[in-house]
């Protein structure tokens, strides 16, 4: 049973999230042979103030 964890900046619409989980589920079906009922996708919306790259918060990037 594949479980896919997706961490991304907050702000995506419900429709974008719906399309993403559908595409990820279909990719698991196609590449792994997993039935859709066995694919879990967990979405985590992270504020830019809680994410950094190279020691700089994304909320402070220009």
Protein backbone atom coordinates (compact mmCIF):
# COMPACT_ATOMS: atom_id res chain seq x y z
CA UNK A 1 0.00 0.00 0.00
CA UNK A 2 1.80 3.15 -1.13
CA UNK A 3 1.55 6.20 1.08
CA UNK A 4 2.70 9.44 -0.50
CA UNK A 5 3.47 12.45 1.69
CA UNK A 6 3.41 15.81 -0.09
CA UNK A 7 4.72 18.89 1.68
CA UNK A 8 4.17 22.16 -0.14
CA UNK A 9 3.65 25.83 0.47
CA UNK A 10 0.13 26.71 1.48
CA UNK A 11 -2.11 28.46 -0.99
CA UNK A 12 -3.13 25.76 -3.48
CA UNK A 13 -6.81 25.61 -4.30
CA UNK A 14 -8.95 22.58 -3.51
CA UNK A 15 -9.17 21.91 -7.27
CA UNK A 16 -5.36 21.89 -7.60
CA UNK A 17 -5.10 19.48 -4.68
CA UNK A 18 -7.83 17.28 -6.16
CA UNK A 19 -5.95 17.10 -9.47
CA UNK A 20 -2.65 16.38 -7.71
CA UNK A 21 -3.96 13.48 -5.64
CA UNK A 22 -5.68 12.03 -8.70
CA UNK A 23 -2.47 12.23 -10.75
CA UNK A 24 -0.37 10.69 -7.97
CA UNK A 25 -2.86 7.87 -7.51
CA UNK A 26 -2.93 7.18 -11.24
CA UNK A 27 0.89 7.16 -11.34
CA UNK A 28 0.96 4.50 -8.61
CA UNK A 29 -1.62 2.47 -10.50
CA UNK A 30 0.40 2.67 -13.71
CA UNK A 31 3.93 2.20 -12.38
CA UNK A 32 3.36 -0.02 -9.34
CA UNK A 33 0.19 -1.84 -10.29
CA UNK A 34 -1.46 -0.59 -7.12
CA UNK A 35 -5.25 -0.54 -6.98
CA UNK A 36 -6.46 3.01 -6.28
CA UNK A 37 -8.03 1.90 -3.00
CA UNK A 38 -4.57 1.08 -1.67
CA UNK A 39 -2.99 4.47 -2.45
CA UNK A 40 -2.96 7.08 0.33
CA UNK A 41 -1.87 10.66 -0.34
CA UNK A 42 -1.22 12.96 2.61
CA UNK A 43 -1.08 16.70 1.91
CA UNK A 44 0.68 19.11 4.24
CA UNK A 45 0.34 22.86 3.69
CA UNK A 46 3.35 24.63 5.13
CA UNK A 47 3.49 28.41 5.62
CA UNK A 48 6.52 30.05 4.00
CA UNK A 49 7.50 31.28 7.47
CA UNK A 50 8.01 27.64 8.50
CA UNK A 51 10.21 26.53 5.60
CA UNK A 52 13.79 27.48 4.83
CA UNK A 53 16.36 26.66 2.19
CA UNK A 54 20.05 27.47 2.59
CA UNK A 55 19.37 29.00 6.00
CA UNK A 56 16.84 31.56 4.72
CA UNK A 57 13.12 31.45 5.44
CA UNK A 58 11.02 31.48 2.28
CA UNK A 59 8.91 34.25 3.81
CA UNK A 60 12.04 36.44 3.83
CA UNK A 61 13.22 35.71 0.29
CA UNK A 62 12.90 38.39 -2.35
